[in-house]
Amino acid sequence: MSGATKTTFHLSDSRRARLKVLAARDGKTVTELLEEGADLVLDKYAARHDRAELDRRAQVARERLRRGLYSGPPVVADDVLYARPVRKRTR
């Protein structure tokens, strides 16, 4: 590991024991499992920020589309869908 920093933190005994069992079963070290976990957490939070940016862009695109499609006066959907037939005037 180049550019690595040694970090100390506390794990409960039960969590440490579970990690040791899992590491032994998968042929890894506890440190490798913790690094993998850290990467998953980093990816999770990065994805949240990516998702927020995608949502923001989608909102902007929807607004632009609405402005382009509905350049005329606003309409009420019920008036368009359920309009009563217009009777022709007779003289």
N, C-alpha and C. Protein backbone atom coordinates (compact mmCIF):
# COMPACT_ATOMS: atom_id res chain seq x y z
N MET A 1 0.83 -1.18 0.00
CA MET A 1 0.00 0.00 0.00
C MET A 1 0.87 1.24 0.00
N SER A 2 0.81 1.99 -1.03
CA SER A 2 1.56 3.25 -1.03
C SER A 2 0.61 4.38 -0.66
N GLY A 3 1.12 5.35 0.07
CA GLY A 3 0.30 6.48 0.47
C GLY A 3 -0.77 6.12 1.48
N ALA A 4 -0.54 5.08 2.27
CA ALA A 4 -1.53 4.64 3.24
C ALA A 4 -1.25 5.26 4.59
N THR A 5 -2.30 5.43 5.37
CA THR A 5 -2.19 5.94 6.72
C THR A 5 -2.75 4.90 7.67
N LYS A 6 -2.04 4.64 8.73
CA LYS A 6 -2.53 3.71 9.74
C LYS A 6 -3.57 4.44 10.58
N THR A 7 -4.72 3.80 10.74
CA THR A 7 -5.82 4.40 11.49
C THR A 7 -6.29 3.42 12.55
N THR A 8 -6.57 3.93 13.70
CA THR A 8 -7.08 3.10 14.79
C THR A 8 -8.50 3.52 15.11
N PHE A 9 -9.39 2.56 15.22
CA PHE A 9 -10.75 2.84 15.66
C PHE A 9 -11.25 1.63 16.42
N HIS A 10 -12.33 1.78 17.11
CA HIS A 10 -12.83 0.73 17.99
C HIS A 10 -13.98 -0.02 17.32
N LEU A 11 -13.91 -1.36 17.41
CA LEU A 11 -14.98 -2.24 16.97
C LEU A 11 -15.44 -3.04 18.18
N SER A 12 -16.72 -3.36 18.20
CA SER A 12 -17.18 -4.23 19.28
C SER A 12 -16.52 -5.60 19.11
N ASP A 13 -16.37 -6.32 20.21
CA ASP A 13 -15.74 -7.65 20.14
C ASP A 13 -16.51 -8.57 19.21
N SER A 14 -17.83 -8.50 19.25
CA SER A 14 -18.63 -9.39 18.40
C SER A 14 -18.44 -9.05 16.91
N ARG A 15 -18.36 -7.78 16.61
CA ARG A 15 -18.17 -7.38 15.21
C ARG A 15 -16.79 -7.81 14.72
N ARG A 16 -15.78 -7.62 15.55
CA ARG A 16 -14.41 -8.03 15.19
C ARG A 16 -14.35 -9.53 14.96
N ALA A 17 -15.01 -10.31 15.84
CA ALA A 17 -15.02 -11.77 15.70
C ALA A 17 -15.70 -12.18 14.40
N ARG A 18 -16.82 -11.55 14.08
CA ARG A 18 -17.53 -11.87 12.83
C ARG A 18 -16.66 -11.53 11.62
N LEU A 19 -15.96 -10.40 11.68
CA LEU A 19 -15.07 -10.04 10.58
C LEU A 19 -13.93 -11.05 10.42
N LYS A 20 -13.38 -11.51 11.53
CA LYS A 20 -12.29 -12.49 11.46
C LYS A 20 -12.76 -13.79 10.83
N VAL A 21 -13.96 -14.25 11.21
CA VAL A 21 -14.51 -15.49 10.63
C VAL A 21 -14.73 -15.31 9.13
N LEU A 22 -15.34 -14.21 8.75
CA LEU A 22 -15.60 -13.95 7.33
C LEU A 22 -14.30 -13.83 6.54
N ALA A 23 -13.32 -13.15 7.09
CA ALA A 23 -12.03 -12.98 6.41
C ALA A 23 -11.36 -14.34 6.20
N ALA A 24 -11.36 -15.17 7.25
CA ALA A 24 -10.74 -16.50 7.14
C ALA A 24 -11.45 -17.34 6.09
N ARG A 25 -12.77 -17.27 6.10
CA ARG A 25 -13.56 -18.06 5.14
C ARG A 25 -13.29 -17.64 3.71
N ASP A 26 -13.08 -16.33 3.49
CA ASP A 26 -12.87 -15.82 2.13
C ASP A 26 -11.40 -15.66 1.77
N GLY A 27 -10.50 -16.04 2.66
CA GLY A 27 -9.08 -15.95 2.38
C GLY A 27 -8.59 -14.51 2.29
N LYS A 28 -9.16 -13.64 3.10
CA LYS A 28 -8.77 -12.23 3.11
C LYS A 28 -8.36 -11.86 4.53
N THR A 29 -7.85 -10.66 4.67
CA THR A 29 -7.55 -10.14 6.00
C THR A 29 -8.70 -9.25 6.45
N VAL A 30 -8.77 -9.01 7.76
CA VAL A 30 -9.79 -8.10 8.29
C VAL A 30 -9.58 -6.71 7.68
N THR A 31 -8.35 -6.31 7.53
CA THR A 31 -8.05 -5.01 6.93
C THR A 31 -8.61 -4.92 5.51
N GLU A 32 -8.46 -5.98 4.73
CA GLU A 32 -9.01 -5.98 3.37
C GLU A 32 -10.53 -5.84 3.39
N LEU A 33 -11.17 -6.53 4.33
CA LEU A 33 -12.63 -6.41 4.44
C LEU A 33 -13.03 -4.99 4.82
N LEU A 34 -12.29 -4.40 5.76
CA LEU A 34 -12.61 -3.03 6.17
C LEU A 34 -12.38 -2.04 5.03
N GLU A 35 -11.34 -2.25 4.24
CA GLU A 35 -11.10 -1.39 3.08
C GLU A 35 -12.24 -1.54 2.06
N GLU A 36 -12.68 -2.78 1.86
CA GLU A 36 -13.79 -3.02 0.94
C GLU A 36 -15.06 -2.32 1.45
N GLY A 37 -15.28 -2.41 2.76
CA GLY A 37 -16.43 -1.72 3.35
C GLY A 37 -16.35 -0.22 3.18
N ALA A 38 -15.16 0.34 3.38
CA ALA A 38 -14.98 1.78 3.21
C ALA A 38 -15.27 2.18 1.76
N ASP A 39 -14.82 1.37 0.81
CA ASP A 39 -15.09 1.68 -0.60
C ASP A 39 -16.59 1.65 -0.89
N LEU A 40 -17.30 0.69 -0.31
CA LEU A 40 -18.75 0.61 -0.51
C LEU A 40 -19.45 1.85 0.04
N VAL A 41 -19.02 2.29 1.22
CA VAL A 41 -19.62 3.49 1.81
C VAL A 41 -19.32 4.71 0.95
N LEU A 42 -18.09 4.84 0.48
CA LEU A 42 -17.74 5.97 -0.38
C LEU A 42 -18.57 5.96 -1.66
N ASP A 43 -18.73 4.79 -2.27
CA ASP A 43 -19.54 4.68 -3.49
C ASP A 43 -21.00 5.03 -3.21
N LYS A 44 -21.51 4.58 -2.07
CA LYS A 44 -22.90 4.85 -1.70
C LYS A 44 -23.16 6.35 -1.60
N TYR A 45 -22.28 7.06 -0.91
CA TYR A 45 -22.49 8.50 -0.74
C TYR A 45 -22.22 9.26 -2.02
N ALA A 46 -21.27 8.80 -2.82
CA ALA A 46 -21.04 9.43 -4.12
C ALA A 46 -22.26 9.26 -5.01
N ALA A 47 -22.88 8.08 -4.96
CA ALA A 47 -24.07 7.81 -5.77
C ALA A 47 -25.23 8.72 -5.34
N ARG A 48 -25.33 9.01 -4.04
CA ARG A 48 -26.39 9.93 -3.58
C ARG A 48 -26.21 11.30 -4.20
N HIS A 49 -24.97 11.77 -4.22
CA HIS A 49 -24.71 13.09 -4.79
C HIS A 49 -24.91 13.07 -6.30
N ASP A 50 -24.51 11.97 -6.95
CA ASP A 50 -24.74 11.84 -8.39
C ASP A 50 -26.23 11.84 -8.67
N ARG A 51 -27.01 11.13 -7.85
CA ARG A 51 -28.45 11.03 -8.03
C ARG A 51 -29.11 12.40 -7.86
N ALA A 52 -28.64 13.15 -6.87
CA ALA A 52 -29.19 14.49 -6.64
C ALA A 52 -28.93 15.38 -7.86
N GLU A 53 -27.75 15.28 -8.45
CA GLU A 53 -27.44 16.06 -9.64
C GLU A 53 -28.30 15.63 -10.82
N LEU A 54 -28.50 14.33 -10.99
CA LEU A 54 -29.37 13.84 -12.06
C LEU A 54 -30.81 14.31 -11.87
N ASP A 55 -31.30 14.29 -10.63
CA ASP A 55 -32.65 14.78 -10.35
C ASP A 55 -32.77 16.26 -10.68
N ARG A 56 -31.73 17.04 -10.33
CA ARG A 56 -31.75 18.47 -10.62
C ARG A 56 -31.79 18.71 -12.12
N ARG A 57 -30.96 17.97 -12.87
CA ARG A 57 -30.93 18.12 -14.33
C ARG A 57 -32.26 17.71 -14.95
N ALA A 58 -32.87 16.65 -14.43
CA ALA A 58 -34.17 16.19 -14.95
C ALA A 58 -35.24 17.25 -14.72
N GLN A 59 -35.23 17.88 -13.55
CA GLN A 59 -36.20 18.93 -13.27
C GLN A 59 -36.05 20.10 -14.24
N VAL A 60 -34.82 20.49 -14.50
CA VAL A 60 -34.56 21.58 -15.45
C VAL A 60 -35.07 21.18 -16.84
N ALA A 61 -34.80 19.95 -17.24
CA ALA A 61 -35.24 19.49 -18.56
C ALA A 61 -36.77 19.45 -18.66
N ARG A 62 -37.44 18.99 -17.58
CA ARG A 62 -38.91 18.97 -17.59
C ARG A 62 -39.47 20.38 -17.72
N GLU A 63 -38.89 21.32 -17.01
CA GLU A 63 -39.37 22.70 -17.10
C GLU A 63 -39.16 23.27 -18.50
N ARG A 64 -38.02 22.98 -19.10
CA ARG A 64 -37.76 23.46 -20.46
C ARG A 64 -38.76 22.84 -21.43
N LEU A 65 -39.04 21.55 -21.26
CA LEU A 65 -40.00 20.88 -22.12
C LEU A 65 -41.40 21.47 -21.96
N ARG A 66 -41.80 21.72 -20.71
CA ARG A 66 -43.12 22.31 -20.47
C ARG A 66 -43.23 23.68 -21.13
N ARG A 67 -42.20 24.50 -20.99
CA ARG A 67 -42.23 25.83 -21.61
C ARG A 67 -42.36 25.71 -23.13
N GLY A 68 -41.69 24.71 -23.71
CA GLY A 68 -41.76 24.54 -25.16
C GLY A 68 -43.09 23.99 -25.63
N LEU A 69 -43.67 23.06 -24.86
CA LEU A 69 -44.93 22.45 -25.26
C LEU A 69 -46.13 23.34 -24.99
N TYR A 70 -46.09 24.07 -23.93
CA TYR A 70 -47.25 24.85 -23.49
C TYR A 70 -46.96 26.34 -23.57
N SER A 71 -46.72 26.80 -24.76
CA SER A 71 -46.42 28.22 -24.91
C SER A 71 -47.69 29.06 -24.94
N GLY A 72 -48.83 28.42 -25.10
CA GLY A 72 -50.09 29.16 -25.14
C GLY A 72 -50.66 29.35 -23.74
N PRO A 73 -51.92 29.77 -23.68
CA PRO A 73 -52.53 29.98 -22.37
C PRO A 73 -52.69 28.64 -21.64
N PRO A 74 -52.73 28.68 -20.32
CA PRO A 74 -52.89 27.44 -19.58
C PRO A 74 -54.27 26.84 -19.82
N VAL A 75 -54.34 25.52 -19.76
CA VAL A 75 -55.61 24.83 -19.93
C VAL A 75 -55.86 23.95 -18.71
N VAL A 76 -57.13 23.72 -18.46
CA VAL A 76 -57.52 22.80 -17.39
C VAL A 76 -57.82 21.47 -18.05
N ALA A 77 -57.16 20.43 -17.61
CA ALA A 77 -57.28 19.12 -18.26
C ALA A 77 -58.73 18.65 -18.31
N ASP A 78 -59.49 18.86 -17.25
CA ASP A 78 -60.89 18.42 -17.26
C ASP A 78 -61.70 19.14 -18.34
N ASP A 79 -61.39 20.41 -18.58
CA ASP A 79 -62.10 21.15 -19.62
C ASP A 79 -61.81 20.57 -21.00
N VAL A 80 -60.60 20.11 -21.20
CA VAL A 80 -60.22 19.55 -22.50
C VAL A 80 -60.78 18.14 -22.65
N LEU A 81 -60.64 17.33 -21.61
CA LEU A 81 -61.04 15.93 -21.69
C LEU A 81 -62.55 15.73 -21.61
N TYR A 82 -63.22 16.54 -20.81
CA TYR A 82 -64.65 16.33 -20.56
C TYR A 82 -65.50 17.51 -20.99
N ALA A 83 -65.06 18.18 -22.04
CA ALA A 83 -65.81 19.35 -22.52
C ALA A 83 -67.16 18.91 -23.05
N ARG A 84 -68.14 19.74 -22.77
CA ARG A 84 -69.49 19.46 -23.30
C ARG A 84 -69.50 19.84 -24.78
N PRO A 85 -70.23 19.09 -25.56
CA PRO A 85 -70.29 19.43 -26.98
C PRO A 85 -70.91 20.82 -27.18
N VAL A 86 -70.35 21.53 -28.12
CA VAL A 86 -70.86 22.87 -28.43
C VAL A 86 -72.00 22.73 -29.43
N ARG A 87 -73.14 23.31 -29.07
CA ARG A 87 -74.29 23.22 -29.97
C ARG A 87 -74.23 24.35 -31.00
N LYS A 88 -74.55 23.98 -32.18
CA LYS A 88 -74.58 24.99 -33.23
C LYS A 88 -75.85 25.83 -33.08
N ARG A 89 -75.67 27.11 -33.30
CA ARG A 89 -76.82 28.01 -33.21
C ARG A 89 -77.70 27.86 -34.45
N THR A 90 -78.96 27.86 -34.22
CA THR A 90 -79.89 27.81 -35.35
C THR A 90 -80.67 29.12 -35.37
N ARG A 91 -81.01 29.56 -36.53
CA ARG A 91 -81.75 30.82 -36.66
C ARG A 91 -83.17 30.59 -36.94
